Amino acid sequence: MPEEKKTKVNDNDKLMGVLAYLGILVIIPIAAGGKSKFVKYHANQGLINLLFAIVIGVSSFVLAFMPFLNMLLAILWLVYFIPTIFAILGIINVINGEEKPLPLIGGFTLLK
């Protein structure tokens, strides 16, 4: 698991980092992140979190229509809040100027 890094970050990079964890707004830091490794790191974490939330949402939708399997929907409702918790953790990391990976999904990299 990657270690966390704490760096000196300017306010614009912090704003972009926070936007990365606000759902579809992750597009803004991806497009305008520039060369900041801090912004790219949090844009990657935010994108993975968004995709995780989409997978949970689609799974919930599919299970809702399957007889006998819709009991799993109750479990997925609990899991559905995990991306929200991850987003809050990510925003706290941004505010503290840290590049700390999110639990469970922090080891994945989509953006380089």
Protein backbone atom coordinates (compact mmCIF):
# COMPACT_ATOMS: atom_id res chain seq x y z
CA MET A 1 0.00 0.00 0.00
CA PRO A 2 1.44 3.42 -0.94
CA GLU A 3 2.50 5.71 1.84
CA GLU A 4 0.90 9.07 2.43
CA LYS A 5 2.77 12.22 1.44
CA LYS A 6 2.26 15.64 2.95
CA THR A 7 3.24 18.58 0.78
CA LYS A 8 2.83 22.33 0.70
CA VAL A 9 -0.21 22.96 -1.48
CA ASN A 10 -1.64 26.22 -2.80
CA ASP A 11 -5.32 27.13 -2.50
CA ASN A 12 -6.09 26.48 -6.18
CA ASP A 13 -4.74 22.94 -5.94
CA LYS A 14 -6.79 22.38 -2.79
CA LEU A 15 -9.93 23.60 -4.58
CA MET A 16 -9.25 21.24 -7.48
CA GLY A 17 -8.59 18.42 -5.02
CA VAL A 18 -11.92 18.98 -3.27
CA LEU A 19 -13.77 19.08 -6.61
CA ALA A 20 -12.24 15.68 -7.43
CA TYR A 21 -14.35 14.07 -4.70
CA LEU A 22 -17.65 15.69 -5.66
CA GLY A 23 -18.95 13.13 -8.13
CA ILE A 24 -19.00 14.13 -11.78
CA LEU A 25 -17.13 17.34 -10.93
CA VAL A 26 -13.99 15.18 -11.02
CA ILE A 27 -13.91 16.17 -14.71
CA ILE A 28 -12.80 19.71 -13.76
CA PRO A 29 -9.54 18.73 -12.00
CA ILE A 30 -8.84 16.10 -14.67
CA ALA A 31 -9.17 18.72 -17.41
CA ALA A 32 -7.63 21.69 -15.59
CA GLY A 33 -5.26 20.02 -13.12
CA GLY A 34 -2.21 21.12 -15.02
CA LYS A 35 1.08 19.65 -13.90
CA SER A 36 0.29 19.43 -10.20
CA LYS A 37 0.99 15.91 -8.92
CA PHE A 38 -1.23 16.68 -5.92
CA VAL A 39 -4.25 17.44 -8.12
CA LYS A 40 -3.60 14.43 -10.36
CA TYR A 41 -3.36 12.17 -7.33
CA HIS A 42 -6.69 13.33 -5.90
CA ALA A 43 -8.36 13.38 -9.33
CA ASN A 44 -7.37 9.71 -9.68
CA GLN A 45 -8.73 8.88 -6.22
CA GLY A 46 -11.95 10.80 -6.95
CA LEU A 47 -12.44 9.10 -10.32
CA ILE A 48 -11.98 5.64 -8.81
CA ASN A 49 -14.45 6.56 -6.04
CA LEU A 50 -16.98 7.75 -8.62
CA LEU A 51 -16.64 4.51 -10.61
CA PHE A 52 -17.02 2.53 -7.38
CA ALA A 53 -20.25 4.41 -6.61
CA ILE A 54 -21.55 3.74 -10.14
CA VAL A 55 -20.83 0.00 -9.80
CA ILE A 56 -22.71 -0.10 -6.50
CA GLY A 57 -25.63 1.83 -8.01
CA VAL A 58 -25.90 -0.42 -11.05
CA SER A 59 -25.65 -3.52 -8.85
CA SER A 60 -28.46 -2.22 -6.67
CA PHE A 61 -30.63 -1.57 -9.70
CA VAL A 62 -30.04 -5.04 -11.13
CA LEU A 63 -30.63 -6.82 -7.81
CA ALA A 64 -33.88 -4.94 -7.27
CA PHE A 65 -35.40 -6.82 -10.23
CA MET A 66 -34.11 -10.30 -9.40
CA PRO A 67 -36.36 -12.47 -7.26
CA PHE A 68 -34.68 -13.97 -4.21
CA LEU A 69 -31.52 -11.96 -4.82
CA ASN A 70 -33.14 -8.69 -3.85
CA MET A 71 -32.37 -9.64 -0.22
CA LEU A 72 -28.81 -8.65 -1.07
CA LEU A 73 -30.14 -5.20 -1.78
CA ALA A 74 -30.31 -4.50 1.95
CA ILE A 75 -26.59 -5.22 2.22
CA LEU A 76 -25.88 -3.05 -0.81
CA TRP A 77 -27.76 -0.18 0.81
CA LEU A 78 -25.18 -0.25 3.58
CA VAL A 79 -22.34 -0.49 1.05
CA TYR A 80 -23.87 2.41 -0.90
CA PHE A 81 -22.69 4.87 1.75
CA ILE A 82 -19.05 3.80 1.50
CA PRO A 83 -18.24 6.08 -1.50
CA THR A 84 -19.69 9.02 0.46
CA ILE A 85 -17.45 8.18 3.41
CA PHE A 86 -14.47 7.82 1.07
CA ALA A 87 -15.25 11.24 -0.45
CA ILE A 88 -15.29 12.81 3.01
CA LEU A 89 -11.96 11.15 3.85
CA GLY A 90 -10.51 12.36 0.55
CA ILE A 91 -11.63 15.94 1.16
CA ILE A 92 -10.07 15.85 4.64
CA ASN A 93 -6.81 14.64 3.06
CA VAL A 94 -6.93 17.49 0.53
CA ILE A 95 -7.51 20.09 3.22
CA ASN A 96 -4.57 18.68 5.22
CA GLY A 97 -2.36 18.67 2.10
CA GLU A 98 -1.91 14.90 2.22
CA GLU A 99 -1.70 12.31 -0.54
CA LYS A 100 -3.12 9.49 1.54
CA PRO A 101 -4.76 6.57 -0.30
CA LEU A 102 -8.41 5.83 0.34
CA PRO A 103 -9.25 2.52 2.03
CA LEU A 104 -9.99 -0.43 -0.31
CA ILE A 105 -9.74 1.54 -3.56
CA GLY A 106 -6.66 3.70 -2.93
CA GLY A 107 -4.23 1.28 -4.55
CA PHE A 108 -5.72 1.59 -8.04
CA THR A 109 -4.42 4.06 -10.61
CA LEU A 110 -6.36 5.18 -13.67
CA LEU A 111 -4.73 8.56 -14.29
CA LYS A 112 -0.99 8.99 -14.66
